[in-house]
Protein backbone atom coordinates (compact mmCIF):
# COMPACT_ATOMS: atom_id res chain seq x y z
CA MET A 1 85.90 95.78 131.81
CA PRO A 2 89.48 96.95 132.04
CA SER A 3 90.14 100.48 133.70
CA GLU A 4 92.37 103.08 132.50
CA SER A 5 95.15 102.70 135.29
CA THR A 6 95.77 99.06 133.99
CA GLN A 7 96.14 100.02 130.47
CA ILE A 8 99.40 100.53 128.27
CA PRO A 9 98.82 103.99 126.53
CA ILE A 10 97.18 103.62 123.21
CA HIS A 11 98.44 105.96 120.73
CA SER A 12 96.59 105.30 117.27
CA VAL A 13 96.24 107.10 114.07
CA GLU A 14 92.98 107.29 111.53
CA LEU A 15 92.81 107.16 107.92
CA PHE A 16 89.93 107.67 105.36
CA PRO A 17 89.82 105.51 102.28
CA PRO A 18 91.05 107.36 99.06
CA LYS A 19 88.70 107.54 96.11
CA THR A 20 91.19 106.89 93.11
CA PRO A 21 94.25 104.53 92.71
CA GLU A 22 96.32 107.53 92.51
CA GLY A 23 94.94 108.43 95.89
CA MET A 24 95.94 105.17 97.33
CA GLU A 25 99.38 105.29 96.04
CA LYS A 26 99.95 108.84 97.87
CA LEU A 27 98.28 107.33 101.14
CA LYS A 28 100.78 104.32 101.01
CA LEU A 29 103.50 106.95 101.26
CA GLU A 30 101.76 108.49 104.35
CA ILE A 31 101.08 105.34 105.88
CA ALA A 32 104.81 104.36 105.84
CA SER A 33 105.83 107.40 107.59
CA LEU A 34 103.28 106.88 110.06
CA ASN A 35 103.85 103.42 110.57
CA SER A 36 107.37 104.29 111.60
CA LEU A 37 106.06 105.73 114.64
CA ALA A 38 104.82 102.23 115.77
CA PRO A 39 100.92 103.43 116.50
CA THR A 40 98.83 100.83 118.39
CA PHE A 41 96.82 100.60 115.34
CA PHE A 42 95.66 102.22 112.18
CA SER A 43 91.70 102.92 112.09
CA VAL A 44 89.87 103.15 108.69
CA THR A 45 86.86 105.14 108.55
CA TYR A 46 83.51 103.87 106.89
CA GLY A 47 81.54 106.32 104.76
CA ALA A 48 77.69 106.98 105.62
CA GLY A 49 75.42 104.11 104.90
CA GLY A 50 78.51 102.22 103.70
CA SER A 51 79.20 104.70 100.98
CA THR A 52 83.11 104.01 101.24
CA ARG A 53 82.59 100.01 101.83
CA GLU A 54 85.03 98.98 99.33
CA GLY A 55 87.41 101.75 99.68
CA THR A 56 87.49 100.76 103.38
CA PHE A 57 87.93 96.90 102.44
CA ASP A 58 90.84 97.85 100.03
CA THR A 59 92.61 99.99 102.51
CA VAL A 60 92.01 97.50 105.40
CA ASN A 61 93.05 94.54 103.11
CA TRP A 62 96.56 96.57 101.94
CA LEU A 63 97.09 97.46 105.81
CA ARG A 64 96.82 93.79 106.79
CA GLY A 65 98.91 92.82 103.93
CA GLN A 66 101.64 94.78 105.41
CA GLY A 67 101.40 93.26 108.66
CA ILE A 68 99.91 96.48 110.12
CA ASP A 69 97.35 96.30 113.07
CA THR A 70 94.15 97.58 111.87
CA ALA A 71 90.88 98.55 113.45
CA PRO A 72 88.30 99.01 110.64
CA HIS A 73 85.23 101.49 111.41
CA LEU A 74 81.76 99.69 111.02
CA ALA A 75 78.75 102.01 110.76
CA CYS A 76 75.50 100.07 111.20
CA ILE A 77 72.74 102.32 109.96
CA GLY A 78 71.57 101.06 106.57
CA SER A 79 72.83 97.67 107.15
CA THR A 80 71.01 94.41 107.76
CA ARG A 81 72.39 91.82 110.33
CA GLU A 82 73.39 89.56 107.44
CA GLN A 83 75.51 92.33 105.93
CA VAL A 84 77.26 92.92 109.13
CA ARG A 85 77.66 89.36 110.12
CA GLU A 86 79.47 88.84 106.47
CA ILE A 87 81.85 91.81 107.04
CA LEU A 88 82.81 90.85 110.45
CA THR A 89 83.29 87.18 109.45
CA GLN A 90 85.69 88.42 106.59
CA TYR A 91 87.48 90.61 109.26
CA ARG A 92 87.91 87.73 111.57
CA GLU A 93 89.32 85.61 108.74
CA GLN A 94 91.90 88.26 108.27
CA GLY A 95 93.10 88.17 111.70
CA ILE A 96 91.48 91.61 112.73
CA ASP A 97 90.64 91.79 116.31
CA ARG A 98 89.66 95.46 116.98
CA LEU A 99 86.70 97.43 115.60
CA VAL A 100 85.28 101.02 115.82
CA ALA A 101 81.48 100.51 116.11
CA LEU A 102 79.51 103.36 115.10
CA ARG A 103 75.86 104.23 114.49
CA GLY A 104 76.88 106.32 111.40
CA ASP A 105 75.11 108.94 109.30
CA MET A 106 72.15 108.22 107.02
CA PRO A 107 73.28 109.09 103.50
CA SER A 108 71.44 111.78 101.71
CA GLY A 109 68.31 110.61 99.82
CA MET A 110 67.95 107.39 102.06
CA GLY A 111 64.61 107.49 103.92
CA ALA A 112 63.97 106.22 107.46
CA GLY A 113 62.57 103.02 105.99
CA ASN A 114 65.75 102.10 104.70
CA SER A 115 67.62 102.57 107.78
CA GLY A 116 68.41 98.66 108.07
CA ASP A 117 68.23 96.51 111.21
CA PHE A 118 70.10 98.76 113.53
CA ARG A 119 69.20 101.99 115.04
CA TYR A 120 71.77 102.73 117.45
CA ALA A 121 75.43 101.76 118.07
CA ASN A 122 74.68 100.14 121.18
CA GLU A 123 72.59 97.57 119.11
CA LEU A 124 75.63 97.09 116.75
CA VAL A 125 77.79 96.30 119.97
CA SER A 126 75.16 93.75 121.27
CA PHE A 127 75.11 92.12 117.99
CA VAL A 128 78.77 91.68 117.61
CA ARG A 129 79.17 90.29 121.11
CA ALA A 130 76.25 87.75 120.55
CA GLU A 131 77.40 86.76 117.18
CA PHE A 132 81.32 86.84 117.60
CA GLY A 133 81.90 86.87 121.33
CA ASP A 134 85.14 88.25 122.32
CA SER A 135 86.83 87.73 118.80
CA PHE A 136 86.98 91.72 118.79
CA MET A 137 88.16 94.49 120.89
CA ILE A 138 85.33 97.00 120.41
CA GLU A 139 85.93 100.77 120.41
CA VAL A 140 82.92 103.14 120.43
CA ALA A 141 82.67 106.90 120.00
CA ALA A 142 82.54 109.40 122.95
CA TYR A 143 81.45 113.12 122.85
CA PRO A 144 83.11 115.39 125.36
CA GLU A 145 81.02 118.31 124.12
CA TYR A 146 77.91 115.82 123.54
CA HIS A 147 76.67 114.70 120.00
CA PRO A 148 74.41 117.34 118.40
CA GLN A 149 71.67 114.91 117.75
CA SER A 150 71.40 113.65 121.62
CA GLY A 151 69.97 117.37 122.39
CA ASN A 152 71.94 117.64 125.84
CA PRO A 153 74.74 116.19 127.69
CA ALA A 154 72.64 114.02 129.99
CA ARG A 155 71.21 112.38 127.25
CA ASP A 156 74.30 111.96 125.41
CA LEU A 157 75.78 110.28 128.44
CA GLU A 158 72.95 107.82 128.80
CA ASN A 159 73.64 106.83 125.07
CA PHE A 160 77.32 106.41 125.91
CA LYS A 161 76.42 104.16 128.70
CA ARG A 162 74.33 101.90 126.79
CA LYS A 163 77.11 101.31 124.51
CA VAL A 164 79.41 100.39 127.57
CA GLU A 165 76.87 98.13 128.92
CA ALA A 166 76.52 96.38 125.51
CA GLY A 167 80.12 95.47 125.46
CA ALA A 168 82.34 98.20 124.47
CA ASP A 169 86.03 97.68 125.44
CA GLY A 170 87.13 101.33 124.92
CA ALA A 171 86.16 104.65 123.44
CA ILE A 172 87.62 107.26 121.20
CA THR A 173 86.32 110.84 121.61
CA GLN A 174 85.34 113.48 118.99
CA TYR A 175 88.23 115.98 118.50
CA PHE A 176 87.96 119.11 120.65
CA TYR A 177 90.23 121.90 121.79
CA ASN A 178 89.20 122.57 125.45
CA ALA A 179 90.88 120.12 127.64
CA ASP A 180 88.33 120.92 130.41
CA ALA A 181 85.65 119.18 128.17
CA TYR A 182 87.26 115.98 128.17
CA PHE A 183 88.28 115.88 131.78
CA GLY A 184 84.56 116.90 132.85
CA PHE A 185 83.09 114.15 130.62
CA LEU A 186 85.38 111.66 132.42
CA GLU A 187 84.37 112.76 135.82
CA SER A 188 80.70 112.33 134.49
CA CYS A 189 81.54 108.99 133.39
CA ARG A 190 83.02 107.95 136.73
CA LYS A 191 80.05 109.02 138.46
CA GLU A 192 77.86 106.60 136.26
CA GLY A 193 80.52 103.74 136.89
CA ILE A 194 81.77 103.84 133.36
CA GLY A 195 85.42 102.60 133.70
CA ILE A 196 86.63 101.70 130.13
CA PRO A 197 89.46 103.64 128.64
CA ILE A 198 88.28 106.91 126.94
CA VAL A 199 91.20 107.94 124.44
CA PRO A 200 90.93 111.54 123.35
CA GLY A 201 90.59 112.35 119.52
CA ILE A 202 93.12 114.73 118.34
CA MET A 203 92.61 116.85 115.22
CA PRO A 204 95.84 118.90 113.87
CA ILE A 205 94.98 122.37 112.81
CA THR A 206 96.20 122.93 109.18
CA ASN A 207 93.35 124.19 107.33
CA TYR A 208 90.74 126.57 108.92
CA THR A 209 87.97 126.53 106.49
CA GLN A 210 87.98 122.91 106.14
CA LEU A 211 88.08 122.66 110.20
CA ALA A 212 85.43 125.23 110.72
CA ARG A 213 83.15 123.15 108.30
CA PHE A 214 83.78 119.99 109.95
CA SER A 215 83.21 121.46 113.56
CA ASP A 216 80.01 122.99 112.38
CA THR A 217 78.79 119.61 111.04
CA CYS A 218 79.70 117.42 113.85
CA GLY A 219 79.21 120.08 116.74
CA ALA A 220 82.90 120.20 117.88
CA GLU A 221 83.70 123.63 119.61
CA ILE A 222 86.51 125.69 118.31
CA PRO A 223 86.97 128.16 121.19
CA ARG A 224 86.06 131.73 119.96
CA TRP A 225 89.58 133.17 120.82
CA ILE A 226 91.13 130.53 118.49
CA ARG A 227 88.58 131.13 115.79
CA ARG A 228 89.39 134.70 115.77
CA ARG A 229 93.30 134.00 115.79
CA LEU A 230 92.77 131.48 112.67
CA GLU A 231 90.58 133.88 110.98
CA GLY A 232 93.09 136.64 111.33
CA TYR A 233 95.51 134.75 109.42
CA GLY A 234 93.70 134.87 106.11
CA ASP A 235 95.97 133.17 103.40
CA ASP A 236 99.21 133.12 105.65
CA VAL A 237 99.12 129.51 105.53
CA GLU A 238 102.42 128.98 107.49
CA SER A 239 101.56 131.14 110.37
CA LEU A 240 98.12 129.61 110.81
CA ARG A 241 99.94 126.13 110.96
CA ALA A 242 102.46 127.23 113.38
CA PHE A 243 99.70 128.60 115.57
CA GLY A 244 97.56 125.48 115.09
CA HIS A 245 100.45 123.44 115.86
CA GLU A 246 101.14 125.05 119.38
CA ILE A 247 97.45 124.98 120.26
CA VAL A 248 97.26 121.13 119.58
CA LEU A 249 100.63 120.31 121.22
CA ASN A 250 99.63 122.24 124.15
CA LEU A 251 96.44 120.50 124.48
CA CYS A 252 97.88 117.03 124.08
CA ARG A 253 100.40 117.97 126.89
CA GLN A 254 97.51 118.78 129.20
CA LEU A 255 95.88 115.47 128.25
CA ILE A 256 98.80 113.36 128.90
CA ALA A 257 99.59 115.29 132.13
CA GLY A 258 95.94 114.67 133.19
CA GLY A 259 96.18 110.83 132.76
CA ALA A 260 94.47 110.46 129.39
CA PRO A 261 95.15 106.64 128.33
CA GLY A 262 96.55 107.60 125.02
CA LEU A 263 95.77 109.72 122.01
CA HIS A 264 94.15 108.97 118.81
CA PHE A 265 95.02 111.22 115.93
CA TYR A 266 92.82 112.22 113.00
CA THR A 267 95.31 112.33 110.33
CA MET A 268 93.20 113.60 107.22
CA ASN A 269 95.71 111.17 105.51
CA GLN A 270 98.56 113.54 106.04
CA SER A 271 101.54 112.34 108.16
CA GLY A 272 103.61 115.58 108.55
CA PRO A 273 101.44 117.28 111.24
CA VAL A 274 101.00 114.08 113.36
CA ARG A 275 104.78 113.28 112.99
CA ARG A 276 105.64 116.57 114.31
CA LEU A 277 103.36 116.41 117.29
CA TRP A 278 104.19 112.80 117.98
CA THR A 279 107.94 113.79 118.14
CA GLU A 280 107.61 116.91 120.28
CA LEU A 281 105.46 114.93 122.75
CA GLY A 282 107.98 112.38 123.19
CA LEU A 283 105.40 109.65 122.36
CA PRO A 284 107.11 105.91 121.91
CA THR A 285 108.26 105.20 118.41
CA GLY A 286 109.52 101.99 116.24
CA VAL A 287 112.63 103.99 115.20
């Protein structure tokens, strides 16, 4: 496995597939804006149990048609081996050589008996390697503050190590706002002999209500002092976004200074906040 010290910095952006043709047309404008920054790749999310499967395919197809390097998310829960094999064959034929391999969430209403042939992401990684060899560079998820379903950091680290041992090439973290959580996680990984690049996930702060809901669901911590400040802005959206930008900008600077192998931006399909961060951080662009 490659080590972080030998890697060219990976600066990537994440999109989610729109639900309507109008949403897709709007997203194309945001993609054009983001693509001018020359990110390493665009990742495209995949809904619980494949609920956005067609939207993911459509978005990936459009990106590839524009010659844009694309890393589709592939969540395995609720899928059969044959379904996953079919998807991966299609991606390989499109010239896609990078994946984000995830367990994914069970969609509401689906019982345990319908969970498919895979239980965990490491099983998906092993399957991709067994079926397709090194055709794909595989990214997996990492959780500096540990995944809420794992119960504790030690168990979460064990789960992460299994994904690495199954053949993951790199990892992208859940977003966070405490740089020490990321660096502490890296130290724990090093003690376990994990040397793959672990790129921190960055979530711009533009909407406190939305961010709080996401964070409560996925277990990402918003430090109390940041929550208090964001709550205090109320309906003053301009001030909230200015404060949020400074928080995330300073976080990114700490991560870069500490040797992070890149940054992965959760765009929420909005180019503006990411472009501002990218520019002020002095990240390389295609312009």
